[in-house]
Protein backbone atom coordinates (compact mmCIF):
# COMPACT_ATOMS: atom_id res chain seq x y z
CA UNK A 1 14.99 -9.11 -26.02
CA UNK A 2 17.80 -8.67 -23.56
CA UNK A 3 17.24 -6.79 -20.32
CA UNK A 4 19.82 -4.18 -19.43
CA UNK A 5 21.35 -3.62 -15.98
CA UNK A 6 18.84 -2.79 -13.24
CA UNK A 7 18.22 0.83 -12.26
CA UNK A 8 17.29 2.25 -8.86
CA UNK A 9 13.77 3.09 -10.09
CA UNK A 10 11.42 2.27 -12.95
CA UNK A 11 12.42 4.18 -16.09
CA UNK A 12 10.03 6.34 -18.08
CA UNK A 13 9.69 7.76 -21.59
CA UNK A 14 11.88 10.76 -20.73
CA UNK A 15 14.68 8.42 -19.62
CA UNK A 16 14.34 6.51 -22.88
CA UNK A 17 14.57 9.74 -24.89
CA UNK A 18 17.76 10.69 -23.01
CA UNK A 19 19.64 7.56 -24.11
CA UNK A 20 22.44 8.14 -26.62
CA UNK A 21 21.62 7.52 -30.27
CA UNK A 22 24.11 4.69 -30.76
CA UNK A 23 22.08 2.59 -33.18
CA UNK A 24 20.85 0.22 -30.45
CA UNK A 25 17.10 -0.37 -30.39
CA UNK A 26 15.60 -0.03 -26.92
CA UNK A 27 12.14 -0.75 -25.55
CA UNK A 28 10.70 0.20 -22.18
CA UNK A 29 8.37 -2.39 -20.65
CA UNK A 30 6.91 -1.81 -17.18
CA UNK A 31 9.73 0.65 -16.51
CA UNK A 32 12.47 -1.84 -17.41
CA UNK A 33 14.83 -1.14 -20.31
CA UNK A 34 15.33 -3.85 -22.94
CA UNK A 35 17.62 -4.01 -25.95
CA UNK A 36 15.57 -5.14 -28.93
CA UNK A 37 17.31 -7.08 -31.69
CA UNK A 38 16.80 -6.14 -35.33
CA UNK A 39 13.86 -7.96 -36.93
CA UNK A 40 14.62 -11.06 -38.96
CA UNK A 41 13.78 -11.82 -42.58
CA UNK A 42 10.48 -13.59 -41.87
CA UNK A 43 9.31 -10.66 -39.73
CA UNK A 44 10.19 -8.20 -42.49
CA UNK A 45 8.30 -10.22 -45.12
CA UNK A 46 5.17 -10.41 -42.97
CA UNK A 47 5.46 -6.73 -42.04
CA UNK A 48 5.80 -5.67 -45.69
CA UNK A 49 2.80 -7.77 -46.72
CA UNK A 50 0.63 -6.39 -43.91
CA UNK A 51 1.67 -2.83 -44.68
CA UNK A 52 0.75 -3.26 -48.35
CA UNK A 53 -2.68 -4.72 -47.57
CA UNK A 54 -3.60 -2.32 -44.76
CA UNK A 55 -2.21 0.75 -46.52
CA UNK A 56 -4.16 0.00 -49.70
CA UNK A 57 -7.38 -0.44 -47.74
CA UNK A 58 -6.88 2.76 -45.73
CA UNK A 59 -5.91 4.89 -48.75
CA UNK A 60 -8.73 3.62 -50.96
CA UNK A 61 -11.26 4.69 -48.33
CA UNK A 62 -9.58 7.94 -47.25
CA UNK A 63 -9.38 6.71 -43.65
CA UNK A 64 -5.99 8.15 -42.72
CA UNK A 65 -2.35 7.11 -42.95
CA UNK A 66 -0.36 3.97 -42.25
CA UNK A 67 3.25 4.20 -41.09
CA UNK A 68 6.01 1.64 -41.42
CA UNK A 69 8.47 1.06 -38.61
CA UNK A 70 10.40 2.35 -36.86
CA UNK A 71 7.96 4.40 -34.81
CA UNK A 72 7.72 4.39 -31.05
CA UNK A 73 4.40 3.31 -29.56
CA UNK A 74 3.65 4.93 -26.19
CA UNK A 75 1.02 3.10 -24.15
CA UNK A 76 2.01 5.05 -21.03
CA UNK A 77 5.11 6.60 -19.43
CA UNK A 78 6.63 3.23 -18.51
CA UNK A 79 5.81 1.30 -21.69
CA UNK A 80 7.37 2.40 -24.99
CA UNK A 81 8.05 -0.14 -27.74
C-alpha cells in the first residue's frame, strides 16, 4: 500500500466516501488514506478457494450469505478497508 499526501486531520469514512470514483482503490487506516494495489494472481486463487469452501458450508447449513470482494469493511470511522 502507498500512503497518500498528509492531511490536516485524520480522515473518516465520510471523507473516504467523498473521494472521486476514479478506479483507484483506497483504504483508510487509523485516519490515514492509502492507495491499495489490485490483488495479484496468488491472492485471487486463494480468495476463490476460500469463498468456495466457506460459501458451500454456509449455504448447506442455512447460516447466511457470503460475499466476494469488493466490499468495504468498517471497523470504525477511521478504519475502512
